[in-house]
């Protein structure tokens, strides 16, 4: 299995809402960075921190939050996922859609680092009254 296949499996788990499957490829000391300005901005260390501060919050705080990946670029130890986030924030009823790029760094088949790039303003407009 290539590193790109590992990331495709992560995205497939995301499509199923399978948090355990999403966390499976993460190294114990993974450095997971959500973009500055994103509602969950920051760097989280370890799968438990990623689950609690990103995945679970998204599931709890949004309606129909979706990540649709259009392309996975195989750069060997660096893999890039390109797609679109979308969802509705129930407290405002506002929908958003924003393009996204994920940069994954892998060592020995494990994700050691992740960085998100997205238009955070489009996400934050959904949060505001």
Protein backbone atom coordinates (compact mmCIF):
# COMPACT_ATOMS: atom_id res chain seq x y z
CA UNK A 1 0.00 0.00 0.00
CA UNK A 2 1.40 3.41 -0.99
CA UNK A 3 1.27 6.50 1.20
CA UNK A 4 -1.37 7.91 -1.16
CA UNK A 5 -3.44 4.74 -0.60
CA UNK A 6 -3.16 5.23 3.16
CA UNK A 7 -4.53 8.75 2.82
CA UNK A 8 -7.29 7.57 0.47
CA UNK A 9 -8.28 5.08 3.20
CA UNK A 10 -8.41 7.94 5.72
CA UNK A 11 -10.75 9.86 3.41
CA UNK A 12 -12.91 6.76 2.87
CA UNK A 13 -13.23 6.40 6.65
CA UNK A 14 -14.21 10.08 6.83
CA UNK A 15 -16.92 9.47 4.22
CA UNK A 16 -18.29 6.67 6.46
CA UNK A 17 -18.10 8.79 9.63
CA UNK A 18 -15.60 6.25 11.03
CA UNK A 19 -13.41 8.22 13.45
CA UNK A 20 -11.39 5.13 14.44
CA UNK A 21 -10.60 4.52 10.78
CA UNK A 22 -9.65 8.16 10.35
CA UNK A 23 -7.25 7.95 13.30
CA UNK A 24 -5.74 4.58 12.31
CA UNK A 25 -2.87 5.92 10.15
CA UNK A 26 -1.82 8.63 12.61
CA UNK A 27 1.48 8.23 14.46
CA UNK A 28 1.30 8.54 18.24
CA UNK A 29 3.14 11.88 18.03
CA UNK A 30 1.42 13.22 14.90
CA UNK A 31 1.51 17.02 14.58
CA UNK A 32 -1.94 17.98 13.24
CA UNK A 33 -2.31 21.65 12.23
CA UNK A 34 -5.64 23.28 11.45
CA UNK A 35 -5.33 26.62 9.62
CA UNK A 36 -5.13 29.90 11.50
CA UNK A 37 -8.58 31.49 11.47
CA UNK A 38 -10.35 28.10 11.17
CA UNK A 39 -12.77 27.41 14.06
CA UNK A 40 -10.51 24.58 15.29
CA UNK A 41 -7.20 26.37 14.57
CA UNK A 42 -4.08 25.13 16.26
CA UNK A 43 -1.65 22.25 16.31
CA UNK A 44 -2.73 19.10 18.11
CA UNK A 45 -0.29 16.35 19.08
CA UNK A 46 -1.41 12.74 19.01
CA UNK A 47 -4.53 10.97 17.71
CA UNK A 48 -6.56 11.56 20.89
CA UNK A 49 -6.03 15.32 20.67
CA UNK A 50 -7.00 15.30 16.98
CA UNK A 51 -10.14 13.29 17.71
CA UNK A 52 -11.25 15.51 20.60
CA UNK A 53 -10.37 18.91 19.15
CA UNK A 54 -11.21 18.39 15.48
CA UNK A 55 -13.20 15.31 14.42
CA UNK A 56 -15.60 15.09 17.36
CA UNK A 57 -16.23 18.83 17.44
CA UNK A 58 -17.06 18.89 13.73
CA UNK A 59 -19.52 16.01 14.18
CA UNK A 60 -21.15 17.68 17.20
CA UNK A 61 -21.20 21.31 15.98
CA UNK A 62 -22.23 21.06 12.30
CA UNK A 63 -25.07 19.63 10.25
CA UNK A 64 -24.08 17.65 7.17
CA UNK A 65 -20.42 18.67 7.39
CA UNK A 66 -18.74 17.06 4.38
CA UNK A 67 -15.28 16.77 2.92
CA UNK A 68 -15.36 15.88 -0.76
CA UNK A 69 -11.88 15.06 -2.03
CA UNK A 70 -11.41 15.56 -5.78
CA UNK A 71 -7.77 14.60 -6.06
CA UNK A 72 -5.00 12.91 -4.10
CA UNK A 73 -1.52 13.89 -5.28
CA UNK A 74 1.10 11.23 -4.57
CA UNK A 75 4.43 12.85 -3.74
CA UNK A 76 5.87 9.81 -1.98
CA UNK A 77 6.38 10.81 1.65
CA UNK A 78 4.25 13.93 1.07
CA UNK A 79 0.66 13.46 -0.09
CA UNK A 80 -1.77 16.27 -0.90
CA UNK A 81 -5.55 15.97 -0.80
CA UNK A 82 -7.55 18.63 -2.67
CA UNK A 83 -11.28 19.07 -2.28
CA UNK A 84 -14.17 21.02 -0.78
CA UNK A 85 -15.55 21.36 2.73
CA UNK A 86 -19.25 22.10 3.13
CA UNK A 87 -21.84 22.11 5.86
CA UNK A 88 -24.47 24.07 7.74
CA UNK A 89 -23.89 25.66 11.12
CA UNK A 90 -27.14 24.97 13.02
CA UNK A 91 -26.95 27.99 15.35
CA UNK A 92 -27.14 30.37 12.37
CA UNK A 93 -28.64 28.09 9.72
CA UNK A 94 -25.92 29.22 7.32
CA UNK A 95 -24.37 26.93 4.75
CA UNK A 96 -20.78 27.24 3.52
CA UNK A 97 -18.57 25.61 0.90
CA UNK A 98 -14.82 26.22 0.78
CA UNK A 99 -11.99 24.68 -1.19
CA UNK A 100 -9.34 22.90 0.88
CA UNK A 101 -5.89 21.39 0.53
CA UNK A 102 -4.44 18.94 3.04
CA UNK A 103 -0.70 18.30 3.17
CA UNK A 104 0.16 14.94 4.72
CA UNK A 105 3.68 13.85 5.70
CA UNK A 106 4.27 10.16 6.27
CA UNK A 107 7.16 8.10 7.63
CA UNK A 108 7.13 4.30 7.41
CA UNK A 109 3.43 4.32 6.47
CA UNK A 110 2.36 6.49 9.43
CA UNK A 111 1.13 10.09 9.30
CA UNK A 112 3.62 12.21 11.23
CA UNK A 113 2.30 15.63 10.20
CA UNK A 114 -0.82 17.17 8.67
CA UNK A 115 -1.49 20.76 7.63
CA UNK A 116 -4.77 22.22 6.42
CA UNK A 117 -5.14 25.14 3.98
CA UNK A 118 -8.62 26.58 3.40
CA UNK A 119 -10.52 29.83 3.00
CA UNK A 120 -11.35 30.30 6.67
CA UNK A 121 -13.45 33.39 5.99
CA UNK A 122 -16.01 31.31 4.11
CA UNK A 123 -16.26 28.96 7.10
CA UNK A 124 -16.48 31.80 9.61
CA UNK A 125 -19.28 33.55 7.70
CA UNK A 126 -21.45 30.51 8.47
CA UNK A 127 -20.73 30.97 12.19
CA UNK A 128 -21.71 34.64 12.35
CA UNK A 129 -25.23 36.01 12.80
